[in-house]
C-alpha atoms as a PDB file:
ATOM      1  CA  MET A   1       4.594   4.807 -15.681  1.00  0.00           C
ATOM      2  CA  VAL A   2       6.802   3.084 -13.167  1.00  0.00           C
ATOM      3  CA  GLY A   3       9.612   5.411 -12.506  1.00  0.00           C
ATOM      4  CA  LEU A   4       6.742   8.210 -11.832  1.00  0.00           C
ATOM      5  CA  LEU A   5       5.178   5.840  -9.610  1.00  0.00           C
ATOM      6  CA  LYS A   6       7.955   5.447  -7.607  1.00  0.00           C
ATOM      7  CA  VAL A   7       9.186   8.950  -7.853  1.00  0.00           C
ATOM      8  CA  ILE A   8       5.365   9.832  -6.560  1.00  0.00           C
ATOM      9  CA  GLY A   9       6.060   7.251  -3.767  1.00  0.00           C
ATOM     10  CA  VAL A  10       9.026   8.840  -2.828  1.00  0.00           C
ATOM     11  CA  ILE A  11       7.628  12.183  -2.382  1.00  0.00           C
ATOM     12  CA  ILE A  12       4.683  10.600   0.020  1.00  0.00           C
ATOM     13  CA  ALA A  13       6.525   8.911   2.018  1.00  0.00           C
ATOM     14  CA  THR A  14       8.991  11.556   2.628  1.00  0.00           C
ATOM     15  CA  ALA A  15       6.208  14.406   3.255  1.00  0.00           C
ATOM     16  CA  LEU A  16       4.319  12.150   5.777  1.00  0.00           C
ATOM     17  CA  THR A  17       7.311  11.150   7.573  1.00  0.00           C
ATOM     18  CA  LEU A  18       8.293  15.072   7.961  1.00  0.00           C
ATOM     19  CA  ALA A  19       4.650  15.693   9.246  1.00  0.00           C
ATOM     20  CA  LEU A  20       5.211  13.327  11.925  1.00  0.00           C
ATOM     21  CA  PHE A  21       8.495  14.034  12.892  1.00  0.00           C
ATOM     22  CA  THR A  22       8.167  17.801  12.792  1.00  0.00           C
ATOM     23  CA  VAL A  23       7.761  19.924  16.124  1.00  0.00           C
ATOM     24  CA  TYR A  24       4.864  22.117  16.175  1.00  0.00           C
ATOM     25  CA  GLN A  25       3.776  25.647  17.619  1.00  0.00           C
ATOM     26  CA  ASP A  26       0.780  25.233  20.209  1.00  0.00           C
ATOM     27  CA  ASN A  27      -1.927  26.708  18.417  1.00  0.00           C
ATOM     28  CA  PRO A  28      -5.293  24.769  19.420  1.00  0.00           C
ATOM     29  CA  GLU A  29      -7.316  27.034  17.291  1.00  0.00           C
ATOM     30  CA  GLY A  30      -6.137  26.541  14.237  1.00  0.00           C
ATOM     31  CA  PRO A  31      -3.549  23.742  12.060  1.00  0.00           C
ATOM     32  CA  LEU A  32      -0.718  22.589  13.100  1.00  0.00           C
ATOM     33  CA  VAL A  33       2.119  24.983  12.183  1.00  0.00           C
ATOM     34  CA  ALA A  34       6.228  23.825  12.297  1.00  0.00           C
ATOM     35  CA  GLN A  35       8.009  26.077  14.199  1.00  0.00           C
ATOM     36  CA  THR A  36      10.600  25.704  11.326  1.00  0.00           C
ATOM     37  CA  GLN A  37      10.005  28.112   8.895  1.00  0.00           C
ATOM     38  CA  VAL A  38      11.780  28.783   5.751  1.00  0.00           C
ATOM     39  CA  LEU A  39      11.090  32.398   3.875  1.00  0.00           C
ATOM     40  CA  GLY A  40       8.949  33.191   6.260  1.00  0.00           C
ATOM     41  CA  LEU A  41       6.439  30.035   5.410  1.00  0.00           C
ATOM     42  CA  PRO A  42       6.543  27.255   8.029  1.00  0.00           C
ATOM     43  CA  VAL A  43       7.730  23.915   6.687  1.00  0.00           C
ATOM     44  CA  VAL A  44       4.778  21.906   7.807  1.00  0.00           C
ATOM     45  CA  ALA A  45       0.882  22.831   8.121  1.00  0.00           C
ATOM     46  CA  VAL A  46      -1.800  20.059   8.693  1.00  0.00           C
ATOM     47  CA  GLY A  47      -4.784  21.279   9.435  1.00  0.00           C
ATOM     48  CA  GLN A  48      -8.657  21.154   8.441  1.00  0.00           C
ATOM     49  CA  THR A  49      -8.891  23.736   6.206  1.00  0.00           C
ATOM     50  CA  GLY A  50      -5.947  26.645   5.705  1.00  0.00           C
ATOM     51  CA  ALA A  51      -3.014  24.680   5.993  1.00  0.00           C
ATOM     52  CA  LEU A  52      -0.334  26.832   4.209  1.00  0.00           C
ATOM     53  CA  GLY A  53       2.928  25.971   4.538  1.00  0.00           C
ATOM     54  CA  TRP A  54       6.161  24.142   2.182  1.00  0.00           C
ATOM     55  CA  LEU A  55       4.072  21.021   2.736  1.00  0.00           C
ATOM     56  CA  GLY A  56       0.031  21.254   3.238  1.00  0.00           C
ATOM     57  CA  ILE A  57      -1.562  18.606   4.601  1.00  0.00           C
ATOM     58  CA  GLY A  58      -5.389  18.436   5.375  1.00  0.00           C
ATOM     59  CA  GLN A  59      -8.686  18.563   3.745  1.00  0.00           C
ATOM     60  CA  VAL A  60      -7.820  22.359   2.217  1.00  0.00           C
ATOM     61  CA  ALA A  61      -4.553  23.166   2.059  1.00  0.00           C
ATOM     62  CA  SER A  62      -1.907  25.265   0.117  1.00  0.00           C
ATOM     63  CA  GLY A  63       1.788  25.323   0.102  1.00  0.00           C
ATOM     64  CA  ILE A  64       4.535  24.038  -2.249  1.00  0.00           C
ATOM     65  CA  LEU A  65       4.014  20.418  -1.872  1.00  0.00           C
ATOM     66  CA  VAL A  66       0.341  19.752  -1.211  1.00  0.00           C
ATOM     67  CA  LEU A  67      -1.317  16.548   0.193  1.00  0.00           C
ATOM     68  CA  ALA A  68      -5.115  17.533   0.398  1.00  0.00           C
ATOM     69  CA  GLN A  69      -8.387  16.831  -0.618  1.00  0.00           C
ATOM     70  CA  GLY A  70      -8.471  20.277  -2.553  1.00  0.00           C
ATOM     71  CA  GLY A  71      -5.754  22.060  -2.739  1.00  0.00           C
ATOM     72  CA  PHE A  72      -3.510  24.874  -4.643  1.00  0.00           C
ATOM     73  CA  GLY A  73       0.425  24.188  -4.535  1.00  0.00           C
ATOM     74  CA  LEU A  74       3.302  23.885  -7.064  1.00  0.00           C
ATOM     75  CA  VAL A  75       2.825  20.077  -6.741  1.00  0.00           C
ATOM     76  CA  THR A  76      -0.493  18.819  -5.713  1.00  0.00           C
ATOM     77  CA  PHE A  77      -1.955  15.303  -4.942  1.00  0.00           C
ATOM     78  CA  ALA A  78      -5.614  16.239  -4.043  1.00  0.00           C
ATOM     79  CA  GLN A  79      -8.822  14.950  -5.028  1.00  0.00           C
ATOM     80  CA  GLY A  80      -9.722  18.608  -6.720  1.00  0.00           C
ATOM     81  CA  GLY A  81      -7.194  21.490  -7.300  1.00  0.00           C
ATOM     82  CA  VAL A  82      -4.875  22.826  -9.065  1.00  0.00           C
ATOM     83  CA  GLY A  83      -1.158  22.050  -8.946  1.00  0.00           C
ATOM     84  CA  LEU A  84       0.931  24.921 -10.808  1.00  0.00           C
ATOM     85  CA  VAL A  85       3.664  22.141 -12.414  1.00  0.00           C
ATOM     86  CA  PHE A  86       2.001  18.742 -11.599  1.00  0.00           C
ATOM     87  CA  GLY A  87      -1.105  17.745 -10.490  1.00  0.00           C
ATOM     88  CA  ILE A  88      -2.584  14.441  -9.183  1.00  0.00           C
ATOM     89  CA  GLY A  89      -6.560  13.954  -8.663  1.00  0.00           C
ATOM     90  CA  GLN A  90      -9.784  13.287  -9.386  1.00  0.00           C
ATOM     91  CA  GLY A  91     -10.326  16.976 -10.782  1.00  0.00           C
ATOM     92  CA  MET A  92      -6.810  18.777 -11.367  1.00  0.00           C
ATOM     93  CA  VAL A  93      -5.678  21.653 -13.091  1.00  0.00           C
ATOM     94  CA  GLY A  94      -1.729  22.101 -13.955  1.00  0.00           C
ATOM     95  CA  LEU A  95       0.840  22.175 -16.635  1.00  0.00           C
ATOM     96  CA  MET A  96       0.818  18.377 -16.568  1.00  0.00           C
ATOM     97  CA  ALA A  97      -2.394  16.910 -15.166  1.00  0.00           C
ATOM     98  CA  ILE A  98      -3.120  13.188 -14.537  1.00  0.00           C
ATOM     99  CA  ALA A  99      -6.646  12.848 -13.194  1.00  0.00           C
ATOM    100  CA  GLN A 100     -10.507  12.062 -14.251  1.00  0.00           C
ATOM    101  CA  ILE A 101     -11.129  15.282 -15.239  1.00  0.00           C
ATOM    102  CA  GLY A 102      -8.569  17.939 -16.183  1.00  0.00           C
ATOM    103  CA  ILE A 103      -6.756  20.189 -18.068  1.00  0.00           C
ATOM    104  CA  GLY A 104      -2.992  20.248 -18.399  1.00  0.00           C
ATOM    105  CA  ALA A 105      -1.326  22.685 -20.262  1.00  0.00           C
ATOM    106  CA  PHE A 106       1.687  20.475 -21.515  1.00  0.00           C
ATOM    107  CA  ALA A 107       0.411  16.949 -21.143  1.00  0.00           C
ATOM    108  CA  PHE A 108      -2.507  15.770 -19.380  1.00  0.00           C
ATOM    109  CA  MET A 109      -3.174  11.715 -18.723  1.00  0.00           C
ATOM    110  CA  GLY A 110      -6.716  10.483 -17.511  1.00  0.00           C
ATOM    111  CA  GLN A 111     -10.549  10.317 -18.492  1.00  0.00           C
ATOM    112  CA  VAL A 112     -11.618  13.788 -20.011  1.00  0.00           C
ATOM    113  CA  GLY A 113      -9.398  16.672 -19.922  1.00  0.00           C
ATOM    114  CA  VAL A 114      -7.438  19.158 -22.486  1.00  0.00           C
ATOM    115  CA  GLY A 115      -3.576  19.550 -22.935  1.00  0.00           C
ATOM    116  CA  ALA A 116      -1.047  19.761 -25.753  1.00  0.00           C
ATOM    117  CA  GLN A 117      -0.005  16.029 -25.616  1.00  0.00           C
ATOM    118  CA  ALA A 118      -3.307  14.285 -24.276  1.00  0.00           C
ATOM    119  CA  ILE A 119      -3.555  10.601 -23.337  1.00  0.00           C
ATOM    120  CA  GLY A 120      -6.772   9.155 -22.029  1.00  0.00           C
ATOM    121  CA  GLN A 121     -10.696   8.201 -22.844  1.00  0.00           C
ATOM    122  CA  GLY A 122     -12.000  11.449 -23.905  1.00  0.00           C
ATOM    123  CA  VAL A 123      -9.318  14.083 -24.276  1.00  0.00           C
ATOM    124  CA  PHE A 124      -8.527  16.803 -26.860  1.00  0.00           C
ATOM    125  CA  LYS A 125      -4.918  17.940 -27.531  1.00  0.00           C
ATOM    126  CA  SER A 126      -3.872  20.969 -29.234  1.00  0.00           C
ATOM    127  CA  ARG A 127      -0.940  19.675 -30.890  1.00  0.00           C
ATOM    128  CA  GLY A 128       0.403  16.417 -32.537  1.00  0.00           C
ATOM    129  CA  ARG A 129       3.265  14.119 -31.690  1.00  0.00           C
ATOM    130  CA  ALA A 130       4.441  15.670 -35.584  1.00  0.00           C
ATOM    131  CA  TYR A 131       4.537  19.167 -34.468  1.00  0.00           C
ATOM    132  CA  PHE A 132       6.740  18.517 -30.849  1.00  0.00           C
ATOM    133  CA  GLU A 133       9.091  16.667 -33.151  1.00  0.00           C
ATOM    134  CA  GLU A 134       9.362  19.251 -36.031  1.00  0.00           C
ATOM    135  CA  LEU A 135      10.014  21.723 -32.726  1.00  0.00           C
ATOM    136  CA  SER A 136      12.849  19.565 -30.859  1.00  0.00           C
ATOM    137  CA  ALA A 137      14.103  19.199 -34.694  1.00  0.00           C
ATOM    138  CA  GLU A 138      14.446  23.116 -34.803  1.00  0.00           C
ATOM    139  CA  LEU A 139      15.697  23.524 -31.366  1.00  0.00           C
ATOM    140  CA  THR A 140      18.476  20.638 -31.471  1.00  0.00           C
ATOM    141  CA  GLU A 141      20.063  21.995 -34.257  1.00  0.00           C
END
């Protein structure tokens, strides 16, 4: 668990540093959008709503890595949202979710949720540890 917390800390510190030292386009009415783009998507987007970028920061944001109150991305740190691969928040849906209420297709850790592997207070897990050990043994043979 300590390793996971270190990784989360590094991700957040890197994201915030990138957001602080990025040169943004002049856009007085919309979100701050970085001048640098990769594959047609701005590297950083910061705004109240509609922030879409590789790194999306704001109240409502989307992108690859999202730090927001509500958001959608591959990796999402939000109060509520969807993290397709990984999500941390109060209400979260994703392949792996750490939340108070959520759904983690592969894993869930939190208070109330559903996951193939789940740890928490009121959780429902679809498969037990023995199933995954048997599956792992079949794959390694």
